[in-house]
């Protein structure tokens, strides 16, 4: 039977031919997942022979990655803001930019913690659970139109032992009641053209409903903005992750509903986060 180092080399070559961006790293991560060890430990046991069942599982995992299925779906989980979250193709893979948004909120409200938070389009529960963990006295409502996504988010709440969050199936505000100190959302904001030009990992595997919106990616953002004021407490804030080219249109549209608008950039210097408050 081949050794670990031999199979790693073969896997790296295979993934490189399939145009996977990080063939060596992805091979190592898949090997450590299948063999249930740390990535660096692979090189401490590189001469070890692979057993037949392990070889079958490795071949399957490497083949799936070669078909450009996202690594996170193959492994089945992702790290996000100190949480380990299960993910499947029913939910969007949480991005670094979304982690940045959570970090902004946590730092901004660290002293005056919000009592109520609404997360619209929760997906895996990444935003809702991160905020619930950091604001232990807050009550968080996580909303998604997809029952499958709600199931994933509920599992993640249980895995991470987070209890101050409830889940609701709803199209944005349709089934929501009550008022909130923070409304936060990473809604669909790609246009159809942007989706068509996206990487295969995104275009062919992640849920389109969580990525693409009509009106050049702005329909869902505009719907949230137009209705959010009815669900915000006085002094409440609407926080959105958006596309980098949308902020002027968002600013113009939101001026009918909010007096204040703040645009912040992500770590890549793109206009990514929109904060709206002081409702009319």
C-alpha atoms as a PDB file:
ATOM      1  CA  UNK A   1       0.000   0.000   0.000  1.00  0.00           C
ATOM      2  CA  UNK A   2       1.226   3.555  -0.721  1.00  0.00           C
ATOM      3  CA  UNK A   3       2.507   5.786   2.071  1.00  0.00           C
ATOM      4  CA  UNK A   4       0.977   9.068   3.182  1.00  0.00           C
ATOM      5  CA  UNK A   5       3.687  11.175   1.528  1.00  0.00           C
ATOM      6  CA  UNK A   6       3.260   9.365  -1.794  1.00  0.00           C
ATOM      7  CA  UNK A   7      -0.495   9.817  -1.769  1.00  0.00           C
ATOM      8  CA  UNK A   8      -0.192  13.478  -0.787  1.00  0.00           C
ATOM      9  CA  UNK A   9       1.994  14.116  -3.807  1.00  0.00           C
ATOM     10  CA  UNK A  10      -0.425  12.312  -6.118  1.00  0.00           C
ATOM     11  CA  UNK A  11      -3.394  14.185  -4.650  1.00  0.00           C
ATOM     12  CA  UNK A  12      -1.668  17.539  -5.034  1.00  0.00           C
ATOM     13  CA  UNK A  13      -0.921  16.804  -8.699  1.00  0.00           C
ATOM     14  CA  UNK A  14      -4.522  15.740  -9.318  1.00  0.00           C
ATOM     15  CA  UNK A  15      -6.004  18.853  -7.719  1.00  0.00           C
ATOM     16  CA  UNK A  16      -3.575  21.125  -9.534  1.00  0.00           C
ATOM     17  CA  UNK A  17      -4.671  19.670 -12.879  1.00  0.00           C
ATOM     18  CA  UNK A  18      -8.278  20.356 -11.846  1.00  0.00           C
ATOM     19  CA  UNK A  19      -7.390  24.041 -11.259  1.00  0.00           C
ATOM     20  CA  UNK A  20      -7.956  23.934  -7.500  1.00  0.00           C
ATOM     21  CA  UNK A  21      -6.366  27.090  -6.075  1.00  0.00           C
ATOM     22  CA  UNK A  22      -4.489  25.559  -3.132  1.00  0.00           C
ATOM     23  CA  UNK A  23      -3.858  21.932  -4.128  1.00  0.00           C
ATOM     24  CA  UNK A  24      -1.278  21.132  -1.478  1.00  0.00           C
ATOM     25  CA  UNK A  25      -3.138  22.739   1.408  1.00  0.00           C
ATOM     26  CA  UNK A  26      -6.453  21.211   0.379  1.00  0.00           C
ATOM     27  CA  UNK A  27      -4.841  17.779   0.086  1.00  0.00           C
ATOM     28  CA  UNK A  28      -3.368  18.098   3.559  1.00  0.00           C
ATOM     29  CA  UNK A  29      -6.665  19.256   5.050  1.00  0.00           C
ATOM     30  CA  UNK A  30      -8.585  16.394   3.439  1.00  0.00           C
ATOM     31  CA  UNK A  31      -5.984  13.852   4.558  1.00  0.00           C
ATOM     32  CA  UNK A  32      -6.070  15.147   8.146  1.00  0.00           C
ATOM     33  CA  UNK A  33      -9.878  14.992   8.046  1.00  0.00           C
ATOM     34  CA  UNK A  34     -10.062  11.417   6.749  1.00  0.00           C
ATOM     35  CA  UNK A  35      -7.212  10.170   8.960  1.00  0.00           C
ATOM     36  CA  UNK A  36      -8.513  12.120  11.975  1.00  0.00           C
ATOM     37  CA  UNK A  37      -5.251  13.830  12.797  1.00  0.00           C
ATOM     38  CA  UNK A  38      -3.762  17.317  12.801  1.00  0.00           C
ATOM     39  CA  UNK A  39      -2.453  18.565   9.479  1.00  0.00           C
ATOM     40  CA  UNK A  40       1.123  18.906  10.737  1.00  0.00           C
ATOM     41  CA  UNK A  41       1.008  15.373  12.150  1.00  0.00           C
ATOM     42  CA  UNK A  42       0.852  14.038   8.594  1.00  0.00           C
ATOM     43  CA  UNK A  43       4.576  14.744   8.298  1.00  0.00           C
ATOM     44  CA  UNK A  44       5.375  12.911  11.514  1.00  0.00           C
ATOM     45  CA  UNK A  45       3.828   9.739  10.129  1.00  0.00           C
ATOM     46  CA  UNK A  46       4.544  10.268   6.441  1.00  0.00           C
ATOM     47  CA  UNK A  47       5.939   6.735   5.974  1.00  0.00           C
ATOM     48  CA  UNK A  48       2.824   5.126   7.406  1.00  0.00           C
ATOM     49  CA  UNK A  49       0.935   2.939   4.942  1.00  0.00           C
ATOM     50  CA  UNK A  50      -2.688   3.733   4.216  1.00  0.00           C
ATOM     51  CA  UNK A  51      -5.242   1.013   4.929  1.00  0.00           C
ATOM     52  CA  UNK A  52      -7.798   0.005   2.298  1.00  0.00           C
ATOM     53  CA  UNK A  53     -10.850   1.710   3.927  1.00  0.00           C
ATOM     54  CA  UNK A  54      -8.841   4.898   4.459  1.00  0.00           C
ATOM     55  CA  UNK A  55      -7.653   4.827   0.853  1.00  0.00           C
ATOM     56  CA  UNK A  56     -11.236   4.571  -0.386  1.00  0.00           C
ATOM     57  CA  UNK A  57     -12.322   7.535   1.752  1.00  0.00           C
ATOM     58  CA  UNK A  58      -9.321   9.580   0.664  1.00  0.00           C
ATOM     59  CA  UNK A  59      -9.966   8.904  -3.007  1.00  0.00           C
ATOM     60  CA  UNK A  60     -13.597   9.943  -2.597  1.00  0.00           C
ATOM     61  CA  UNK A  61     -12.698  13.159  -0.787  1.00  0.00           C
ATOM     62  CA  UNK A  62      -9.974  14.135  -3.263  1.00  0.00           C
ATOM     63  CA  UNK A  63     -12.233  13.332  -6.218  1.00  0.00           C
ATOM     64  CA  UNK A  64     -14.995  15.563  -4.818  1.00  0.00           C
ATOM     65  CA  UNK A  65     -12.538  18.407  -4.340  1.00  0.00           C
ATOM     66  CA  UNK A  66     -11.249  17.826  -7.858  1.00  0.00           C
ATOM     67  CA  UNK A  67     -14.800  18.332  -9.084  1.00  0.00           C
ATOM     68  CA  UNK A  68     -14.507  21.688  -7.285  1.00  0.00           C
ATOM     69  CA  UNK A  69     -16.913  20.904  -4.469  1.00  0.00           C
ATOM     70  CA  UNK A  70     -15.998  23.318  -1.643  1.00  0.00           C
ATOM     71  CA  UNK A  71     -13.642  21.922   0.944  1.00  0.00           C
ATOM     72  CA  UNK A  72     -15.996  22.974   3.747  1.00  0.00           C
ATOM     73  CA  UNK A  73     -18.850  20.855   2.365  1.00  0.00           C
ATOM     74  CA  UNK A  74     -16.609  17.800   2.074  1.00  0.00           C
ATOM     75  CA  UNK A  75     -15.283  18.165   5.619  1.00  0.00           C
ATOM     76  CA  UNK A  76     -18.719  19.252   6.837  1.00  0.00           C
ATOM     77  CA  UNK A  77     -17.728  22.096   9.124  1.00  0.00           C
ATOM     78  CA  UNK A  78     -16.043  25.484   9.273  1.00  0.00           C
ATOM     79  CA  UNK A  79     -14.503  27.681  11.973  1.00  0.00           C
ATOM     80  CA  UNK A  80     -16.258  31.019  12.450  1.00  0.00           C
ATOM     81  CA  UNK A  81     -15.571  33.576  15.176  1.00  0.00           C
ATOM     82  CA  UNK A  82     -14.530  30.921  17.671  1.00  0.00           C
ATOM     83  CA  UNK A  83     -17.366  28.552  16.818  1.00  0.00           C
ATOM     84  CA  UNK A  84     -17.262  25.248  14.960  1.00  0.00           C
ATOM     85  CA  UNK A  85     -20.225  25.215  12.590  1.00  0.00           C
ATOM     86  CA  UNK A  86     -21.629  22.381  10.556  1.00  0.00           C
ATOM     87  CA  UNK A  87     -22.256  23.303   6.931  1.00  0.00           C
ATOM     88  CA  UNK A  88     -23.964  21.557   4.031  1.00  0.00           C
ATOM     89  CA  UNK A  89     -25.018  22.685   0.573  1.00  0.00           C
ATOM     90  CA  UNK A  90     -28.274  23.872   2.174  1.00  0.00           C
ATOM     91  CA  UNK A  91     -26.384  26.867   3.565  1.00  0.00           C
ATOM     92  CA  UNK A  92     -23.862  29.426   2.437  1.00  0.00           C
ATOM     93  CA  UNK A  93     -20.291  28.874   3.597  1.00  0.00           C
ATOM     94  CA  UNK A  94     -19.570  31.728   6.055  1.00  0.00           C
ATOM     95  CA  UNK A  95     -17.066  34.221   4.670  1.00  0.00           C
ATOM     96  CA  UNK A  96     -14.255  36.179   6.293  1.00  0.00           C
ATOM     97  CA  UNK A  97     -16.122  39.396   5.511  1.00  0.00           C
ATOM     98  CA  UNK A  98     -19.095  38.218   7.566  1.00  0.00           C
ATOM     99  CA  UNK A  99     -16.741  37.494  10.446  1.00  0.00           C
ATOM    100  CA  UNK A 100     -15.520  41.084  10.122  1.00  0.00           C
ATOM    101  CA  UNK A 101     -19.099  42.350  10.402  1.00  0.00           C
ATOM    102  CA  UNK A 102     -19.664  40.328  13.570  1.00  0.00           C
ATOM    103  CA  UNK A 103     -16.414  41.691  14.995  1.00  0.00           C
ATOM    104  CA  UNK A 104     -17.525  45.277  14.318  1.00  0.00           C
ATOM    105  CA  UNK A 105     -20.832  44.690  16.135  1.00  0.00           C
ATOM    106  CA  UNK A 106     -19.217  42.933  19.101  1.00  0.00           C
ATOM    107  CA  UNK A 107     -16.696  45.742  19.602  1.00  0.00           C
ATOM    108  CA  UNK A 108     -19.261  48.504  19.097  1.00  0.00           C
ATOM    109  CA  UNK A 109     -21.756  47.100  21.606  1.00  0.00           C
ATOM    110  CA  UNK A 110     -19.356  45.514  24.116  1.00  0.00           C
ATOM    111  CA  UNK A 111     -20.270  48.009  26.858  1.00  0.00           C
ATOM    112  CA  UNK A 112     -23.941  48.671  26.094  1.00  0.00           C
ATOM    113  CA  UNK A 113     -25.030  45.177  25.160  1.00  0.00           C
ATOM    114  CA  UNK A 114     -28.179  44.918  23.033  1.00  0.00           C
ATOM    115  CA  UNK A 115     -31.185  43.232  24.607  1.00  0.00           C
ATOM    116  CA  UNK A 116     -32.681  41.963  21.352  1.00  0.00           C
ATOM    117  CA  UNK A 117     -31.049  41.013  18.042  1.00  0.00           C
ATOM    118  CA  UNK A 118     -32.617  39.878  14.770  1.00  0.00           C
ATOM    119  CA  UNK A 119     -30.519  37.983  12.220  1.00  0.00           C
ATOM    120  CA  UNK A 120     -32.203  37.865   8.809  1.00  0.00           C
ATOM    121  CA  UNK A 121     -31.152  35.015   6.505  1.00  0.00           C
ATOM    122  CA  UNK A 122     -29.281  33.126   9.197  1.00  0.00           C
ATOM    123  CA  UNK A 123     -28.137  30.164   7.066  1.00  0.00           C
ATOM    124  CA  UNK A 124     -25.787  28.093   9.216  1.00  0.00           C
ATOM    125  CA  UNK A 125     -26.484  30.430  12.127  1.00  0.00           C
ATOM    126  CA  UNK A 126     -23.008  31.961  11.936  1.00  0.00           C
ATOM    127  CA  UNK A 127     -24.007  35.550  12.736  1.00  0.00           C
ATOM    128  CA  UNK A 128     -26.787  34.760  15.200  1.00  0.00           C
ATOM    129  CA  UNK A 129     -24.789  32.233  17.202  1.00  0.00           C
ATOM    130  CA  UNK A 130     -21.646  34.374  17.301  1.00  0.00           C
ATOM    131  CA  UNK A 131     -23.599  37.345  18.636  1.00  0.00           C
ATOM    132  CA  UNK A 132     -25.561  35.171  21.080  1.00  0.00           C
ATOM    133  CA  UNK A 133     -22.299  33.770  22.444  1.00  0.00           C
ATOM    134  CA  UNK A 134     -20.744  37.213  22.874  1.00  0.00           C
ATOM    135  CA  UNK A 135     -23.909  38.899  24.169  1.00  0.00           C
ATOM    136  CA  UNK A 136     -25.031  36.301  26.692  1.00  0.00           C
ATOM    137  CA  UNK A 137     -27.796  38.494  28.115  1.00  0.00           C
ATOM    138  CA  UNK A 138     -29.276  39.215  24.690  1.00  0.00           C
ATOM    139  CA  UNK A 139     -32.163  37.383  23.086  1.00  0.00           C
ATOM    140  CA  UNK A 140     -31.392  36.559  19.458  1.00  0.00           C
ATOM    141  CA  UNK A 141     -33.953  35.641  16.795  1.00  0.00           C
ATOM    142  CA  UNK A 142     -32.506  33.870  13.741  1.00  0.00           C
ATOM    143  CA  UNK A 143     -34.695  33.886  10.623  1.00  0.00           C
ATOM    144  CA  UNK A 144     -34.390  32.026   7.328  1.00  0.00           C
ATOM    145  CA  UNK A 145     -36.789  31.188   4.511  1.00  0.00           C
ATOM    146  CA  UNK A 146     -35.262  27.703   4.192  1.00  0.00           C
ATOM    147  CA  UNK A 147     -36.384  24.990   6.612  1.00  0.00           C
ATOM    148  CA  UNK A 148     -33.215  23.050   5.759  1.00  0.00           C
ATOM    149  CA  UNK A 149     -31.077  26.020   6.748  1.00  0.00           C
ATOM    150  CA  UNK A 150     -33.011  26.376  10.009  1.00  0.00           C
ATOM    151  CA  UNK A 151     -32.279  22.704  10.766  1.00  0.00           C
ATOM    152  CA  UNK A 152     -28.548  23.262  10.231  1.00  0.00           C
ATOM    153  CA  UNK A 153     -28.568  26.385  12.419  1.00  0.00           C
ATOM    154  CA  UNK A 154     -30.417  24.569  15.221  1.00  0.00           C
ATOM    155  CA  UNK A 155     -27.799  21.784  15.150  1.00  0.00           C
ATOM    156  CA  UNK A 156     -25.051  24.374  15.402  1.00  0.00           C
ATOM    157  CA  UNK A 157     -26.717  26.005  18.397  1.00  0.00           C
ATOM    158  CA  UNK A 158     -26.829  22.608  20.115  1.00  0.00           C
ATOM    159  CA  UNK A 159     -23.236  21.726  19.187  1.00  0.00           C
ATOM    160  CA  UNK A 160     -21.963  25.032  20.567  1.00  0.00           C
ATOM    161  CA  UNK A 161     -24.280  24.945  23.609  1.00  0.00           C
ATOM    162  CA  UNK A 162     -25.855  28.307  22.857  1.00  0.00           C
ATOM    163  CA  UNK A 163     -29.325  28.729  24.330  1.00  0.00           C
ATOM    164  CA  UNK A 164     -30.193  32.425  24.024  1.00  0.00           C
ATOM    165  CA  UNK A 165     -31.242  32.123  20.375  1.00  0.00           C
ATOM    166  CA  UNK A 166     -34.542  31.140  18.783  1.00  0.00           C
ATOM    167  CA  UNK A 167     -35.225  30.199  15.180  1.00  0.00           C
ATOM    168  CA  UNK A 168     -38.056  31.159  12.855  1.00  0.00           C
ATOM    169  CA  UNK A 169     -38.831  30.213   9.266  1.00  0.00           C
ATOM    170  CA  UNK A 170     -39.787  33.389   7.450  1.00  0.00           C
ATOM    171  CA  UNK A 171     -39.199  35.366   4.277  1.00  0.00           C
ATOM    172  CA  UNK A 172     -37.406  38.332   5.823  1.00  0.00           C
ATOM    173  CA  UNK A 173     -39.889  40.071   8.154  1.00  0.00           C
ATOM    174  CA  UNK A 174     -43.057  38.241   7.048  1.00  0.00           C
ATOM    175  CA  UNK A 175     -43.465  36.117  10.213  1.00  0.00           C
ATOM    176  CA  UNK A 176     -41.443  38.315  12.578  1.00  0.00           C
ATOM    177  CA  UNK A 177     -42.987  40.182  15.490  1.00  0.00           C
ATOM    178  CA  UNK A 178     -41.501  42.457  18.123  1.00  0.00           C
ATOM    179  CA  UNK A 179     -38.782  45.096  18.016  1.00  0.00           C
ATOM    180  CA  UNK A 180     -35.005  44.820  18.163  1.00  0.00           C
ATOM    181  CA  UNK A 181     -31.948  46.827  19.134  1.00  0.00           C
ATOM    182  CA  UNK A 182     -29.950  45.361  16.239  1.00  0.00           C
ATOM    183  CA  UNK A 183     -31.158  43.964  12.939  1.00  0.00           C
ATOM    184  CA  UNK A 184     -28.328  42.335  11.039  1.00  0.00           C
ATOM    185  CA  UNK A 185     -28.215  40.540   7.717  1.00  0.00           C
ATOM    186  CA  UNK A 186     -25.913  39.111   5.092  1.00  0.00           C
ATOM    187  CA  UNK A 187     -28.582  38.978   2.375  1.00  0.00           C
ATOM    188  CA  UNK A 188     -28.190  37.854  -1.250  1.00  0.00           C
ATOM    189  CA  UNK A 189     -26.454  40.681  -3.106  1.00  0.00           C
ATOM    190  CA  UNK A 190     -24.931  39.204  -6.271  1.00  0.00           C
ATOM    191  CA  UNK A 191     -26.423  39.978  -9.667  1.00  0.00           C
ATOM    192  CA  UNK A 192     -27.100  37.177 -12.151  1.00  0.00           C
ATOM    193  CA  UNK A 193     -24.058  38.267 -14.166  1.00  0.00           C
ATOM    194  CA  UNK A 194     -21.827  38.212 -11.085  1.00  0.00           C
ATOM    195  CA  UNK A 195     -23.059  34.719 -10.248  1.00  0.00           C
ATOM    196  CA  UNK A 196     -22.267  33.477 -13.747  1.00  0.00           C
ATOM    197  CA  UNK A 197     -18.697  34.728 -13.464  1.00  0.00           C
ATOM    198  CA  UNK A 198     -18.171  33.351  -9.942  1.00  0.00           C
ATOM    199  CA  UNK A 199     -15.855  30.439  -9.158  1.00  0.00           C
ATOM    200  CA  UNK A 200     -17.192  26.944  -9.829  1.00  0.00           C
ATOM    201  CA  UNK A 201     -17.198  26.287  -6.077  1.00  0.00           C
ATOM    202  CA  UNK A 202     -19.735  29.078  -5.637  1.00  0.00           C
ATOM    203  CA  UNK A 203     -21.713  28.810  -8.863  1.00  0.00           C
ATOM    204  CA  UNK A 204     -22.225  25.041  -8.900  1.00  0.00           C
ATOM    205  CA  UNK A 205     -22.412  24.165  -5.214  1.00  0.00           C
ATOM    206  CA  UNK A 206     -23.599  26.958  -2.924  1.00  0.00           C
ATOM    207  CA  UNK A 207     -27.335  27.762  -2.650  1.00  0.00           C
ATOM    208  CA  UNK A 208     -28.264  30.365  -5.252  1.00  0.00           C
ATOM    209  CA  UNK A 209     -31.115  31.644  -3.083  1.00  0.00           C
ATOM    210  CA  UNK A 210     -28.524  32.838  -0.527  1.00  0.00           C
ATOM    211  CA  UNK A 211     -26.365  34.575  -3.117  1.00  0.00           C
ATOM    212  CA  UNK A 212     -28.356  36.148  -5.956  1.00  0.00           C
ATOM    213  CA  UNK A 213     -30.909  38.936  -5.852  1.00  0.00           C
ATOM    214  CA  UNK A 214     -32.836  40.678  -8.617  1.00  0.00           C
ATOM    215  CA  UNK A 215     -32.463  44.373  -9.518  1.00  0.00           C
ATOM    216  CA  UNK A 216     -28.713  44.009  -9.935  1.00  0.00           C
ATOM    217  CA  UNK A 217     -28.359  42.374  -6.536  1.00  0.00           C
ATOM    218  CA  UNK A 218     -30.326  45.009  -4.630  1.00  0.00           C
ATOM    219  CA  UNK A 219     -33.897  43.739  -4.390  1.00  0.00           C
ATOM    220  CA  UNK A 220     -33.537  41.974  -1.036  1.00  0.00           C
ATOM    221  CA  UNK A 221     -31.385  44.718   0.471  1.00  0.00           C
ATOM    222  CA  UNK A 222     -34.010  47.304  -0.494  1.00  0.00           C
ATOM    223  CA  UNK A 223     -36.828  45.167   0.926  1.00  0.00           C
ATOM    224  CA  UNK A 224     -35.017  44.834   4.251  1.00  0.00           C
ATOM    225  CA  UNK A 225     -34.272  48.564   4.429  1.00  0.00           C
ATOM    226  CA  UNK A 226     -37.855  49.560   3.576  1.00  0.00           C
ATOM    227  CA  UNK A 227     -39.324  47.415   6.364  1.00  0.00           C
ATOM    228  CA  UNK A 228     -36.634  47.448   9.048  1.00  0.00           C
ATOM    229  CA  UNK A 229     -37.815  50.647  10.724  1.00  0.00           C
ATOM    230  CA  UNK A 230     -41.028  48.926  11.809  1.00  0.00           C
ATOM    231  CA  UNK A 231     -38.994  46.383  13.758  1.00  0.00           C
ATOM    232  CA  UNK A 232     -36.275  48.571  15.282  1.00  0.00           C
ATOM    233  CA  UNK A 233     -36.391  50.032  18.759  1.00  0.00           C
ATOM    234  CA  UNK A 234     -35.653  53.730  19.109  1.00  0.00           C
ATOM    235  CA  UNK A 235     -31.901  54.032  18.731  1.00  0.00           C
ATOM    236  CA  UNK A 236     -31.745  50.668  16.972  1.00  0.00           C
ATOM    237  CA  UNK A 237     -29.299  49.914  14.144  1.00  0.00           C
ATOM    238  CA  UNK A 238     -29.675  48.038  10.862  1.00  0.00           C
ATOM    239  CA  UNK A 239     -26.399  46.355   9.836  1.00  0.00           C
ATOM    240  CA  UNK A 240     -25.895  44.897   6.366  1.00  0.00           C
ATOM    241  CA  UNK A 241     -23.191  43.070   4.464  1.00  0.00           C
ATOM    242  CA  UNK A 242     -23.362  44.196   0.839  1.00  0.00           C
ATOM    243  CA  UNK A 243     -21.664  44.152  -2.533  1.00  0.00           C
ATOM    244  CA  UNK A 244     -18.744  46.592  -2.872  1.00  0.00           C
ATOM    245  CA  UNK A 245     -20.298  48.594  -5.717  1.00  0.00           C
ATOM    246  CA  UNK A 246     -23.743  49.076  -4.159  1.00  0.00           C
ATOM    247  CA  UNK A 247     -23.243  51.668  -1.441  1.00  0.00           C
ATOM    248  CA  UNK A 248     -24.222  54.795  -3.339  1.00  0.00           C
ATOM    249  CA  UNK A 249     -27.495  53.205  -4.437  1.00  0.00           C
ATOM    250  CA  UNK A 250     -28.110  51.909  -0.921  1.00  0.00           C
ATOM    251  CA  UNK A 251     -27.385  55.345   0.538  1.00  0.00           C
ATOM    252  CA  UNK A 252     -29.798  56.999  -1.902  1.00  0.00           C
ATOM    253  CA  UNK A 253     -32.563  54.458  -1.306  1.00  0.00           C
ATOM    254  CA  UNK A 254     -32.182  54.416   2.479  1.00  0.00           C
ATOM    255  CA  UNK A 255     -32.535  58.211   2.749  1.00  0.00           C
ATOM    256  CA  UNK A 256     -36.329  57.730   2.595  1.00  0.00           C
ATOM    257  CA  UNK A 257     -36.266  55.491   5.679  1.00  0.00           C
ATOM    258  CA  UNK A 258     -33.228  56.436   7.792  1.00  0.00           C
ATOM    259  CA  UNK A 259     -31.546  59.726   8.632  1.00  0.00           C
ATOM    260  CA  UNK A 260     -28.089  58.230   9.216  1.00  0.00           C
ATOM    261  CA  UNK A 261     -25.963  56.036   6.950  1.00  0.00           C
ATOM    262  CA  UNK A 262     -22.418  54.780   7.518  1.00  0.00           C
ATOM    263  CA  UNK A 263     -20.326  52.836   5.001  1.00  0.00           C
ATOM    264  CA  UNK A 264     -17.349  50.799   6.227  1.00  0.00           C
ATOM    265  CA  UNK A 265     -14.769  48.887   4.246  1.00  0.00           C
ATOM    266  CA  UNK A 266     -13.664  45.306   4.758  1.00  0.00           C
ATOM    267  CA  UNK A 267     -10.047  44.216   5.202  1.00  0.00           C
ATOM    268  CA  UNK A 268      -9.624  44.230   1.416  1.00  0.00           C
ATOM    269  CA  UNK A 269     -10.597  47.927   1.265  1.00  0.00           C
ATOM    270  CA  UNK A 270     -13.955  47.257  -0.396  1.00  0.00           C
ATOM    271  CA  UNK A 271     -17.135  49.067   0.635  1.00  0.00           C
ATOM    272  CA  UNK A 272     -18.761  46.101   2.353  1.00  0.00           C
ATOM    273  CA  UNK A 273     -20.769  47.066   5.427  1.00  0.00           C
ATOM    274  CA  UNK A 274     -23.691  49.470   5.647  1.00  0.00           C
ATOM    275  CA  UNK A 275     -25.090  50.745   8.953  1.00  0.00           C
ATOM    276  CA  UNK A 276     -28.397  52.598   9.050  1.00  0.00           C
ATOM    277  CA  UNK A 277     -30.032  54.219  12.073  1.00  0.00           C
ATOM    278  CA  UNK A 278     -32.207  57.072  13.266  1.00  0.00           C
ATOM    279  CA  UNK A 279     -35.348  55.922  11.443  1.00  0.00           C
ATOM    280  CA  UNK A 280     -37.961  58.343  10.161  1.00  0.00           C
END
